[in-house]
Amino acid sequence: MGLLEAEVHTSLRAFLRDQAQPLWDRHLTMARLVSRALRLQRSALIQTGSTVSQYAVSYLMPALLSDRSVLVVAPPAICQRLFQAEIPRLQAWLSTDKKIHFGSCWPDKGNFEGICLTSPQAWLSDRLSNLGDFPTDIVTLIDCADELEDWTRQLLTVTIKFEDWQRLQQAYPHCGNFIQEVRLQLQRSIFNHPQNPYECWLLDEIERKNLQYLGEVLSDKSPLPPPFKAFWPEFQQANQLLWASINRQNGEFTLHISPVEVASFLNPIWQTSPIVLIGGFLDADKAATNYRNTIGLKDEFLCLKFAPNRQNESIQLYVPERLPMPNTPEFQGALQEQVHCLVNLCQHQPFLVVIVDDVPLKAQVGSTLAAEFGSRVQVEKPMFVNGRILICGWDFWRDRQEDFPTPQLLVIATLPIPSIENPLVAGRVAYYKRLRRDWFRLYLLPTALKTIQRAVMPLRESQGVVALLDNRVNYRSYGSQILSALEPYAKINYIDASWFG
């Protein structure tokens, strides 16, 4: 063990005891691994199996005690919490004065020696565009790396709105009528697509040809205004998702183009500096093989995956065995009955969450519960009120989970397997099919595992109750993988009122 690892081990152990925090083995193991990465500038991948609030101290302690500068990449809300609360608390205890900076670039023109906190957008923008905002040889800790693929795809997505078409017409006044004609043709065609709950569609061949023709006409003109300047090169590339979303109220559409895969964009980044990737759940596999392929991580990484403690991180899992399958007409009634019974048993708890992804069914569940429990029932409202019963979809809960307290009961109507009825999911599935790869095992199932793990993690701290009402977990071949990902748990297949009191 190196000097830094030994110092961090001793200091962290004393800090946890002094703060009356649980002395978990994973705290010390993770801290030693991060210390080793800092000392030797070696990359690593850590699956913590827990929330940021639990494990952050395990990488902040080595960063503060190391004599190296460190770049920490995390979502802005987490950076803010680290900057305002976690780091000052540790510094006060350690009596250190290491410089701390929170911003979108490296401070002091490269002469800064300390810890720099930044957002994924700032870091990815710099690395993907070679902006030079951050040193290339700096040890980088990436927290919430579960979302790295989504962060990258969002950043690489080019969007064209209604006002961008107006700017294009102003830039090419002699082609103004032609540009407007193409836009109106696209608008009519897009609004004639059959409705779907996602209000978006992949562009068909005719719509693509209209855009292609527009690009050819304007190609010999003066430089295109943004975002068309960024759009056309992507439009010519293979393996792109090109889709339109609409605002029916305004009668407007928005075009989007993004890469189907992000591995080729991220791969060069891993060659420039030591990286420590940290996330609650990156992959069901300890070696994170699928995750690493997804983000283009081909080099050998030291991989560590922590399993939740069976004594104090076990959830209570209710999985009934005789419910109808979600794709049957009987499912709606059975779901309503189950949800009503569970909520009624837990109605005196301060916060309950029911996740229903089907849009019409979500509204029906909300209306039925509101008829009995009144204004306590809220459908996808982002503000917490004590005693609230929140009905929401998977996307809402994924994006806003950190804004709410941990629910005492989490009801899951259906597994978070992406629906191929969603045009964007269908586009990615088509990409895997073209490569003759197993699109379910490589895309849909890993997405479901990551989503459900993230939803359940906070309940481990309170040993809360999770009700999983999707019977596919009992009768489909992948059900065992879902249940394995939820371990440890105490499982029952009947409603035990003592669990929900």
Protein backbone atom coordinates (compact mmCIF):
# COMPACT_ATOMS: atom_id res chain seq x y z
CA MET A 1 0.00 0.00 0.00
CA GLY A 2 1.38 3.44 -0.97
CA LEU A 3 1.70 6.38 1.38
CA LEU A 4 -1.40 8.11 -0.01
CA GLU A 5 -3.53 4.98 0.32
CA ALA A 6 -2.39 4.51 3.92
CA GLU A 7 -3.06 8.15 4.82
CA VAL A 8 -6.48 8.11 3.20
CA HIS A 9 -7.41 4.82 4.89
CA THR A 10 -6.47 6.14 8.35
CA SER A 11 -8.10 9.54 7.85
CA LEU A 12 -11.31 8.23 6.33
CA ARG A 13 -11.70 5.60 9.03
CA ALA A 14 -11.30 8.25 11.74
CA PHE A 15 -13.62 10.67 9.94
CA LEU A 16 -16.42 8.14 9.60
CA ARG A 17 -16.16 7.25 13.28
CA ASP A 18 -16.08 10.90 14.31
CA GLN A 19 -19.11 11.71 12.17
CA ALA A 20 -20.97 8.63 13.46
CA GLN A 21 -21.30 7.35 9.92
CA PRO A 22 -21.41 3.61 9.18
CA LEU A 23 -17.94 2.16 8.75
CA TRP A 24 -18.62 0.12 5.63
CA ASP A 25 -15.85 -1.86 4.00
CA ARG A 26 -16.71 -0.40 0.63
CA HIS A 27 -15.93 3.14 1.86
CA LEU A 28 -12.37 2.17 2.63
CA THR A 29 -11.92 -0.10 -0.38
CA MET A 30 -13.21 2.54 -2.77
CA ALA A 31 -11.06 5.22 -1.18
CA ARG A 32 -7.97 3.07 -1.51
CA LEU A 33 -8.73 2.38 -5.17
CA VAL A 34 -9.21 6.08 -5.95
CA SER A 35 -6.01 6.86 -4.01
CA ARG A 36 -4.14 4.32 -6.11
CA ALA A 37 -5.51 5.84 -9.32
CA LEU A 38 -4.34 9.28 -8.19
CA ARG A 39 -0.90 8.12 -7.08
CA LEU A 40 -0.13 5.91 -10.09
CA GLN A 41 -2.36 7.75 -12.59
CA ARG A 42 -4.17 4.50 -13.33
CA SER A 43 -7.70 4.31 -14.65
CA ALA A 44 -10.49 2.43 -12.87
CA LEU A 45 -14.22 1.71 -13.04
CA ILE A 46 -16.26 1.45 -9.84
CA GLN A 47 -19.87 0.30 -9.47
CA THR A 48 -20.91 1.41 -6.01
CA GLY A 49 -24.41 -0.06 -5.76
CA SER A 50 -25.43 3.02 -3.75
CA THR A 51 -26.29 6.70 -4.08
CA VAL A 52 -23.86 9.60 -4.39
CA SER A 53 -24.72 10.84 -0.91
CA GLN A 54 -23.31 7.62 0.51
CA TYR A 55 -20.11 7.19 -1.46
CA ALA A 56 -18.95 10.75 -2.35
CA VAL A 57 -16.71 11.01 0.70
CA SER A 58 -14.78 7.96 -0.55
CA TYR A 59 -13.41 9.82 -3.57
CA LEU A 60 -13.32 13.32 -2.05
CA MET A 61 -10.97 12.27 0.75
CA PRO A 62 -8.24 11.00 -1.63
CA ALA A 63 -8.71 14.06 -3.88
CA LEU A 64 -8.15 16.39 -0.90
CA LEU A 65 -5.17 14.51 0.52
CA SER A 66 -3.40 13.92 -2.79
CA ASP A 67 -0.72 16.36 -3.90
CA ARG A 68 -2.08 16.10 -7.46
CA SER A 69 -4.66 18.30 -9.11
CA VAL A 70 -7.95 16.53 -9.77
CA LEU A 71 -10.85 17.17 -12.14
CA VAL A 72 -14.25 16.02 -10.85
CA VAL A 73 -17.05 15.72 -13.44
CA ALA A 74 -20.59 15.43 -12.06
CA PRO A 75 -24.09 16.79 -12.75
CA PRO A 76 -24.41 20.48 -11.72
CA ALA A 77 -26.66 19.77 -8.72
CA ILE A 78 -24.17 17.26 -7.34
CA CYS A 79 -21.22 19.59 -8.03
CA GLN A 80 -23.07 22.29 -6.11
CA ARG A 81 -23.61 19.99 -3.15
CA LEU A 82 -19.98 18.87 -3.15
CA PHE A 83 -18.76 22.46 -3.43
CA GLN A 84 -21.02 23.95 -0.77
CA ALA A 85 -21.35 21.12 1.75
CA GLU A 86 -19.30 17.94 1.36
CA ILE A 87 -15.90 19.41 0.56
CA PRO A 88 -16.02 22.22 3.19
CA ARG A 89 -17.03 19.65 5.82
CA LEU A 90 -14.09 17.41 4.91
CA GLN A 91 -11.65 20.31 4.69
CA ALA A 92 -12.65 21.56 8.11
CA TRP A 93 -12.13 18.11 9.61
CA LEU A 94 -8.81 17.55 7.80
CA SER A 95 -7.63 21.14 8.39
CA THR A 96 -6.61 21.39 4.72
CA ASP A 97 -6.76 24.44 2.48
CA LYS A 98 -6.50 22.80 -0.93
CA LYS A 99 -7.92 25.12 -3.58
CA ILE A 100 -11.40 24.28 -4.85
CA HIS A 101 -12.93 25.65 -8.06
CA PHE A 102 -16.38 25.11 -9.57
CA GLY A 103 -16.73 26.23 -13.17
CA SER A 104 -16.82 25.42 -16.88
CA CYS A 105 -13.05 25.62 -17.46
CA TRP A 106 -9.73 25.09 -15.67
CA PRO A 107 -8.91 28.23 -13.63
CA ASP A 108 -5.77 30.40 -13.60
CA LYS A 109 -4.78 29.56 -17.18
CA GLY A 110 -3.52 26.12 -16.27
CA ASN A 111 -1.56 27.09 -13.16
CA PHE A 112 -4.30 25.97 -10.76
CA GLU A 113 -3.36 23.24 -8.28
CA GLY A 114 -6.38 21.83 -6.52
CA ILE A 115 -9.77 20.25 -7.22
CA CYS A 116 -11.83 21.55 -10.13
CA LEU A 117 -15.52 20.64 -10.25
CA THR A 118 -17.29 20.86 -13.59
CA SER A 119 -20.41 19.64 -15.40
CA PRO A 120 -20.54 16.77 -17.89
CA GLN A 121 -21.59 19.23 -20.62
CA ALA A 122 -18.54 21.45 -20.06
CA TRP A 123 -16.13 18.52 -19.89
CA LEU A 124 -17.57 16.66 -22.88
CA SER A 125 -17.71 19.85 -24.98
CA ASP A 126 -14.04 20.40 -24.27
CA ARG A 127 -12.95 16.84 -24.96
CA LEU A 128 -15.09 16.28 -28.08
CA SER A 129 -14.22 19.63 -29.66
CA ASN A 130 -10.63 20.02 -28.39
CA LEU A 131 -11.36 23.42 -26.88
CA GLY A 132 -8.44 23.32 -24.45
CA ASP A 133 -10.56 24.34 -21.45
CA PHE A 134 -9.13 21.54 -19.29
CA PRO A 135 -5.64 19.96 -19.18
CA THR A 136 -5.45 16.73 -21.16
CA ASP A 137 -3.25 14.89 -18.67
CA ILE A 138 -5.28 15.57 -15.52
CA VAL A 139 -6.65 12.72 -13.41
CA THR A 140 -10.42 12.85 -13.95
CA LEU A 141 -13.12 11.43 -11.67
CA ILE A 142 -16.47 11.05 -13.44
CA ASP A 143 -19.36 10.62 -11.02
CA CYS A 144 -22.81 9.36 -12.10
CA ALA A 145 -21.11 7.66 -15.05
CA ASP A 146 -24.33 5.65 -15.43
CA GLU A 147 -25.52 8.58 -17.56
CA LEU A 148 -22.40 9.05 -19.69
CA GLU A 149 -23.95 7.63 -22.86
CA ASP A 150 -27.02 9.87 -22.52
CA TRP A 151 -24.91 12.95 -21.74
CA THR A 152 -22.83 12.36 -24.86
CA ARG A 153 -25.77 11.75 -27.17
CA GLN A 154 -27.58 14.84 -25.88
CA LEU A 155 -24.51 16.98 -26.48
CA LEU A 156 -24.03 15.60 -30.00
CA THR A 157 -27.69 16.11 -30.94
CA VAL A 158 -28.26 18.94 -33.40
CA THR A 159 -31.71 20.55 -33.20
CA ILE A 160 -33.43 22.78 -35.75
CA LYS A 161 -36.36 24.86 -34.48
CA PHE A 162 -38.92 27.07 -36.24
CA GLU A 163 -36.84 30.23 -35.72
CA ASP A 164 -33.81 28.54 -37.32
CA TRP A 165 -35.77 28.18 -40.56
CA GLN A 166 -36.50 31.91 -40.41
CA ARG A 167 -32.79 32.69 -40.02
CA LEU A 168 -32.03 30.41 -42.97
CA GLN A 169 -34.48 32.38 -45.13
CA GLN A 170 -32.89 35.65 -44.03
CA ALA A 171 -29.41 34.28 -44.87
CA TYR A 172 -30.58 33.27 -48.38
CA PRO A 173 -33.23 35.82 -49.42
CA HIS A 174 -33.09 34.67 -53.07
CA CYS A 175 -34.04 31.16 -51.97
CA GLY A 176 -36.56 32.29 -49.37
CA ASN A 177 -39.65 30.91 -51.13
CA PHE A 178 -37.95 27.59 -51.84
CA ILE A 179 -36.83 27.21 -48.20
CA GLN A 180 -40.35 28.00 -46.99
CA GLU A 181 -41.83 25.49 -49.42
CA VAL A 182 -39.54 22.72 -48.15
CA ARG A 183 -40.38 23.57 -44.55
CA LEU A 184 -44.14 23.51 -45.24
CA GLN A 185 -43.87 20.19 -47.08
CA LEU A 186 -42.05 18.73 -44.10
CA GLN A 187 -44.60 20.18 -41.71
CA ARG A 188 -47.56 18.69 -43.59
CA SER A 189 -45.88 15.31 -43.91
CA ILE A 190 -44.78 15.15 -40.26
CA PHE A 191 -48.20 16.14 -38.91
CA ASN A 192 -49.80 13.46 -41.09
CA HIS A 193 -47.91 10.68 -39.32
CA PRO A 194 -50.14 8.47 -37.13
CA GLN A 195 -50.25 9.79 -33.59
CA ASN A 196 -48.20 8.11 -30.89
CA PRO A 197 -47.72 8.88 -27.17
CA TYR A 198 -44.16 10.09 -27.79
CA GLU A 199 -45.10 12.88 -30.24
CA CYS A 200 -42.03 12.16 -32.36
CA TRP A 201 -41.30 10.24 -35.56
CA LEU A 202 -38.28 9.09 -37.49
CA LEU A 203 -38.20 10.87 -40.84
CA ASP A 204 -39.28 8.69 -43.75
CA GLU A 205 -37.54 8.42 -47.11
CA ILE A 206 -39.52 11.21 -48.81
CA GLU A 207 -38.89 13.61 -45.92
CA ARG A 208 -35.19 12.79 -46.03
CA LYS A 209 -35.09 13.42 -49.79
CA ASN A 210 -36.70 16.84 -49.31
CA LEU A 211 -34.00 17.75 -46.81
CA GLN A 212 -31.31 16.30 -49.08
CA TYR A 213 -32.55 18.43 -51.99
CA LEU A 214 -32.54 21.55 -49.81
CA GLY A 215 -28.96 20.85 -48.80
CA GLU A 216 -27.88 20.37 -52.41
CA VAL A 217 -29.45 23.66 -53.50
CA LEU A 218 -27.79 25.61 -50.69
CA SER A 219 -24.44 23.79 -50.79
CA ASP A 220 -22.82 26.21 -53.23
CA LYS A 221 -24.04 29.32 -51.40
CA SER A 222 -22.34 31.25 -48.61
CA PRO A 223 -21.66 29.44 -45.30
CA LEU A 224 -24.82 28.16 -43.64
CA PRO A 225 -26.01 29.77 -40.41
CA PRO A 226 -26.10 27.62 -37.25
CA PRO A 227 -27.51 25.11 -36.52
CA PHE A 228 -27.83 24.14 -40.20
CA LYS A 229 -24.06 24.39 -40.50
CA ALA A 230 -23.74 21.59 -37.93
CA PHE A 231 -26.77 19.69 -39.21
CA TRP A 232 -25.75 19.00 -42.81
CA PRO A 233 -22.44 17.19 -42.13
CA GLU A 234 -24.26 14.91 -39.68
CA PHE A 235 -27.06 14.36 -42.20
CA GLN A 236 -24.54 12.89 -44.63
CA GLN A 237 -23.17 10.40 -42.09
CA ALA A 238 -24.35 6.83 -41.59
CA ASN A 239 -25.79 5.57 -38.30
CA GLN A 240 -27.67 8.74 -37.42
CA LEU A 241 -31.10 9.04 -35.82
CA LEU A 242 -33.07 11.71 -37.67
CA TRP A 243 -36.43 12.52 -36.18
CA ALA A 244 -39.04 15.21 -35.72
CA SER A 245 -40.91 16.21 -32.58
CA ILE A 246 -44.03 18.37 -32.71
CA ASN A 247 -45.90 20.98 -30.75
CA ARG A 248 -49.52 20.45 -31.77
CA GLN A 249 -50.69 23.57 -29.96
CA ASN A 250 -48.41 25.82 -32.01
CA GLY A 251 -48.50 23.68 -35.14
CA GLU A 252 -44.69 23.60 -35.25
CA PHE A 253 -42.13 20.85 -35.63
CA THR A 254 -38.52 20.50 -34.52
CA LEU A 255 -35.88 18.42 -36.29
CA HIS A 256 -33.25 16.47 -34.37
CA ILE A 257 -30.26 14.44 -35.50
CA SER A 258 -27.98 12.44 -33.20
CA PRO A 259 -25.60 9.48 -33.47
CA VAL A 260 -26.98 6.01 -32.82
CA GLU A 261 -23.73 5.04 -31.04
CA VAL A 262 -21.36 7.22 -29.03
CA ALA A 263 -18.45 4.78 -28.57
CA SER A 264 -16.51 6.13 -31.56
CA PHE A 265 -16.73 9.67 -30.17
CA LEU A 266 -15.70 8.77 -26.63
CA ASN A 267 -12.92 6.30 -27.39
CA PRO A 268 -10.22 8.94 -28.10
CA ILE A 269 -10.93 10.60 -24.73
CA TRP A 270 -9.83 7.54 -22.78
CA GLN A 271 -6.38 7.74 -24.38
CA THR A 272 -5.56 11.22 -23.04
CA SER A 273 -5.72 11.03 -19.24
CA PRO A 274 -6.31 8.66 -16.31
CA ILE A 275 -10.06 8.27 -15.71
CA VAL A 276 -11.99 6.94 -12.74
CA LEU A 277 -15.57 6.14 -13.75
CA ILE A 278 -17.97 5.96 -10.79
CA GLY A 279 -21.63 5.01 -10.89
CA GLY A 280 -24.26 3.23 -8.86
CA PHE A 281 -24.98 0.58 -11.50
CA LEU A 282 -23.13 0.50 -14.81
CA ASP A 283 -23.54 -3.12 -15.84
CA ALA A 284 -24.85 -6.41 -14.48
CA ASP A 285 -21.43 -7.84 -15.30
CA LYS A 286 -18.61 -7.18 -12.84
CA ALA A 287 -16.25 -6.46 -15.73
CA ALA A 288 -18.86 -4.06 -17.17
CA THR A 289 -18.29 -5.48 -20.65
CA ASN A 290 -21.44 -4.13 -22.28
CA TYR A 291 -21.07 -0.71 -20.61
CA ARG A 292 -17.46 -0.43 -21.71
CA ASN A 293 -18.36 -1.33 -25.30
CA THR A 294 -21.13 1.24 -25.26
CA ILE A 295 -18.80 4.08 -24.27
CA GLY A 296 -15.86 2.90 -26.40
CA LEU A 297 -13.66 1.84 -23.51
CA LYS A 298 -11.41 -0.77 -25.10
CA ASP A 299 -8.35 -0.54 -22.85
CA GLU A 300 -8.02 -2.76 -19.81
CA PHE A 301 -9.52 -1.07 -16.77
CA LEU A 302 -9.45 -2.14 -13.16
CA CYS A 303 -13.12 -2.89 -12.49
CA LEU A 304 -14.73 -3.10 -9.07
CA LYS A 305 -18.36 -3.81 -8.28
CA PHE A 306 -19.76 -3.56 -4.76
CA ALA A 307 -22.72 -5.70 -3.74
CA PRO A 308 -25.21 -4.13 -1.32
CA ASN A 309 -24.87 -5.19 2.30
CA ARG A 310 -27.38 -7.96 3.01
CA GLN A 311 -27.96 -6.82 6.58
CA ASN A 312 -28.70 -3.12 6.21
CA GLU A 313 -29.34 -2.57 2.47
CA SER A 314 -31.93 -5.21 1.78
CA ILE A 315 -35.24 -4.03 0.33
CA GLN A 316 -38.65 -5.56 0.94
CA LEU A 317 -39.87 -6.81 -2.44
CA TYR A 318 -43.49 -7.67 -3.17
CA VAL A 319 -43.91 -9.61 -6.44
CA PRO A 320 -47.36 -11.17 -6.99
CA GLU A 321 -47.38 -14.22 -9.23
CA ARG A 322 -50.83 -14.34 -10.80
CA LEU A 323 -51.32 -10.90 -12.29
CA PRO A 324 -52.17 -10.64 -16.01
CA MET A 325 -49.33 -9.73 -18.35
CA PRO A 326 -49.00 -6.01 -19.17
CA ASN A 327 -49.98 -6.49 -22.82
CA THR A 328 -53.36 -8.08 -21.97
CA PRO A 329 -56.74 -6.32 -21.58
CA GLU A 330 -57.06 -7.66 -18.02
CA PHE A 331 -53.90 -5.93 -16.81
CA GLN A 332 -55.44 -2.49 -16.33
CA GLY A 333 -58.09 -3.63 -13.87
CA ALA A 334 -55.70 -5.86 -11.94
CA LEU A 335 -53.15 -3.05 -11.71
CA GLN A 336 -55.73 -0.57 -10.45
CA GLU A 337 -56.80 -3.02 -7.76
CA GLN A 338 -53.23 -3.72 -6.62
CA VAL A 339 -52.24 -0.04 -6.56
CA HIS A 340 -55.35 0.95 -4.60
CA CYS A 341 -54.72 -1.74 -2.01
CA LEU A 342 -51.02 -0.81 -1.59
CA VAL A 343 -51.65 2.92 -1.38
CA ASN A 344 -54.49 2.39 1.08
CA LEU A 345 -52.17 0.42 3.38
CA CYS A 346 -49.49 3.13 3.17
CA GLN A 347 -51.66 6.24 3.02
CA HIS A 348 -50.31 7.59 6.31
CA GLN A 349 -46.71 7.52 5.08
CA PRO A 350 -45.22 10.89 4.02
CA PHE A 351 -44.34 9.95 0.43
CA LEU A 352 -45.38 7.20 -1.99
CA VAL A 353 -44.47 6.78 -5.66
CA VAL A 354 -46.34 4.81 -8.31
CA ILE A 355 -44.49 4.47 -11.64
CA VAL A 356 -46.80 3.86 -14.62
CA ASP A 357 -45.20 4.43 -18.01
CA ASP A 358 -48.26 3.95 -20.24
CA VAL A 359 -49.62 7.49 -20.72
CA PRO A 360 -53.40 6.75 -20.77
CA LEU A 361 -53.09 4.21 -17.94
CA LYS A 362 -51.06 6.68 -15.87
CA ALA A 363 -53.88 9.22 -16.14
CA GLN A 364 -56.48 6.59 -15.23
CA VAL A 365 -54.52 5.44 -12.16
CA GLY A 366 -54.16 9.07 -11.09
CA SER A 367 -57.88 9.78 -11.51
CA THR A 368 -58.93 6.63 -9.64
CA LEU A 369 -56.65 7.37 -6.68
CA ALA A 370 -57.58 11.06 -6.63
CA ALA A 371 -61.24 10.11 -6.32
CA GLU A 372 -60.44 8.59 -2.92
CA PHE A 373 -57.32 10.41 -1.70
CA GLY A 374 -58.01 13.84 -3.17
CA SER A 375 -55.33 16.45 -3.79
CA ARG A 376 -52.63 14.26 -2.21
CA VAL A 377 -52.49 12.46 -5.55
CA GLN A 378 -50.34 14.32 -8.07
CA VAL A 379 -49.51 13.20 -11.60
CA GLU A 380 -45.97 14.22 -12.57
CA LYS A 381 -45.85 17.39 -10.47
CA PRO A 382 -42.22 18.36 -9.70
CA MET A 383 -42.84 19.83 -6.24
CA PHE A 384 -42.74 17.75 -3.06
CA VAL A 385 -45.54 18.11 -0.53
CA ASN A 386 -45.64 16.00 2.65
CA GLY A 387 -48.18 13.20 2.40
CA ARG A 388 -48.02 13.19 -1.35
CA ILE A 389 -48.83 10.25 -3.62
CA LEU A 390 -46.88 10.78 -6.83
CA ILE A 391 -47.93 9.08 -10.08
CA CYS A 392 -45.30 9.33 -12.79
CA GLY A 393 -43.53 7.63 -15.68
CA TRP A 394 -40.01 6.27 -15.75
CA ASP A 395 -38.53 9.31 -17.52
CA PHE A 396 -40.02 11.71 -14.97
CA TRP A 397 -38.71 9.70 -12.01
CA ARG A 398 -35.28 9.20 -13.57
CA ASP A 399 -34.85 12.92 -14.24
CA ARG A 400 -36.25 14.23 -10.95
CA GLN A 401 -35.59 11.47 -8.42
CA GLU A 402 -32.90 13.53 -6.68
CA ASP A 403 -35.43 16.34 -6.06
CA PHE A 404 -37.66 14.16 -3.89
CA PRO A 405 -37.17 12.40 -0.56
CA THR A 406 -36.91 8.62 -0.52
CA PRO A 407 -40.40 7.11 -0.83
CA GLN A 408 -41.58 4.63 1.78
CA LEU A 409 -43.26 2.65 -0.99
CA LEU A 410 -42.27 2.42 -4.65
CA VAL A 411 -44.84 0.73 -6.88
CA ILE A 412 -43.56 -0.36 -10.31
CA ALA A 413 -46.38 -1.12 -12.74
CA THR A 414 -44.19 -2.38 -15.59
CA LEU A 415 -40.51 -3.06 -16.08
CA PRO A 416 -38.59 -0.13 -17.62
CA ILE A 417 -37.84 -2.00 -20.85
CA PRO A 418 -37.77 0.63 -23.62
CA SER A 419 -40.75 0.23 -25.91
CA ILE A 420 -40.03 -0.35 -29.58
CA GLU A 421 -43.22 1.61 -30.23
CA ASN A 422 -41.09 4.63 -29.37
CA PRO A 423 -39.60 5.70 -32.74
CA LEU A 424 -36.23 6.54 -31.17
CA VAL A 425 -36.01 3.12 -29.54
CA ALA A 426 -37.04 1.51 -32.83
CA GLY A 427 -34.27 3.43 -34.60
CA ARG A 428 -31.62 2.12 -32.21
CA VAL A 429 -33.01 -1.43 -32.43
CA ALA A 430 -32.78 -1.20 -36.23
CA TYR A 431 -29.11 -0.24 -35.85
CA TYR A 432 -28.38 -3.39 -33.80
CA LYS A 433 -30.30 -5.49 -36.32
CA ARG A 434 -28.20 -4.14 -39.19
CA LEU A 435 -25.11 -5.25 -37.29
CA ARG A 436 -26.76 -8.64 -36.60
CA ARG A 437 -26.34 -8.10 -32.87
CA ASP A 438 -28.68 -9.08 -30.03
CA TRP A 439 -30.58 -5.82 -29.60
CA PHE A 440 -32.53 -7.06 -26.56
CA ARG A 441 -29.54 -8.31 -24.57
CA LEU A 442 -27.24 -5.45 -25.59
CA TYR A 443 -29.68 -2.51 -25.44
CA LEU A 444 -33.18 -3.04 -24.06
CA LEU A 445 -32.33 -5.27 -21.09
CA PRO A 446 -29.26 -3.29 -19.90
CA THR A 447 -31.33 -0.10 -20.06
CA ALA A 448 -34.06 -1.71 -17.95
CA LEU A 449 -31.56 -3.03 -15.39
CA LYS A 450 -29.87 0.36 -15.03
CA THR A 451 -33.19 2.21 -14.69
CA ILE A 452 -34.70 -0.10 -12.09
CA GLN A 453 -31.49 -0.24 -10.08
CA ARG A 454 -31.28 3.53 -9.96
CA ALA A 455 -34.91 3.79 -8.83
CA VAL A 456 -34.46 1.25 -6.04
CA MET A 457 -31.07 2.35 -4.65
CA PRO A 458 -32.40 5.07 -2.30
CA LEU A 459 -34.86 2.61 -0.75
CA ARG A 460 -31.99 0.40 0.36
CA GLU A 461 -30.91 3.06 2.85
CA SER A 462 -34.34 2.99 4.50
CA GLN A 463 -35.03 -0.69 3.73
CA GLY A 464 -38.21 0.44 2.03
CA VAL A 465 -40.85 -1.54 0.14
CA VAL A 466 -40.80 -2.10 -3.62
CA ALA A 467 -43.90 -3.56 -5.28
CA LEU A 468 -43.13 -4.99 -8.72
CA LEU A 469 -46.40 -5.70 -10.52
CA ASP A 470 -45.06 -6.82 -13.90
CA ASN A 471 -45.57 -10.58 -14.13
CA ARG A 472 -42.96 -10.90 -16.87
CA VAL A 473 -40.40 -11.01 -14.08
CA ASN A 474 -41.84 -14.41 -13.10
CA TYR A 475 -42.37 -15.95 -16.53
CA ARG A 476 -39.83 -14.50 -18.97
CA SER A 477 -36.28 -15.78 -19.33
CA TYR A 478 -34.84 -12.37 -18.43
CA GLY A 479 -36.88 -12.18 -15.22
CA SER A 480 -34.13 -13.86 -13.22
CA GLN A 481 -31.68 -11.14 -14.30
CA ILE A 482 -34.09 -8.46 -13.12
CA LEU A 483 -34.45 -10.14 -9.74
CA SER A 484 -30.70 -10.70 -9.46
CA ALA A 485 -30.13 -7.01 -10.05
CA LEU A 486 -32.51 -6.20 -7.17
CA GLU A 487 -30.72 -8.38 -4.63
CA PRO A 488 -30.54 -8.38 -1.68
CA TYR A 489 -34.22 -8.45 -0.83
CA ALA A 490 -36.83 -10.14 1.32
CA LYS A 491 -39.47 -11.31 -1.15
CA ILE A 492 -43.13 -12.18 -0.74
CA ASN A 493 -45.88 -12.87 -3.29
CA TYR A 494 -48.81 -11.74 -1.13
CA ILE A 495 -49.64 -8.46 0.56
CA ASP A 496 -48.43 -8.57 4.15
CA ALA A 497 -49.98 -5.59 5.94
CA SER A 498 -47.12 -5.54 8.48
CA TRP A 499 -44.72 -4.57 5.67
CA PHE A 500 -46.72 -1.54 4.66
CA GLY A 501 -47.76 -0.10 8.02
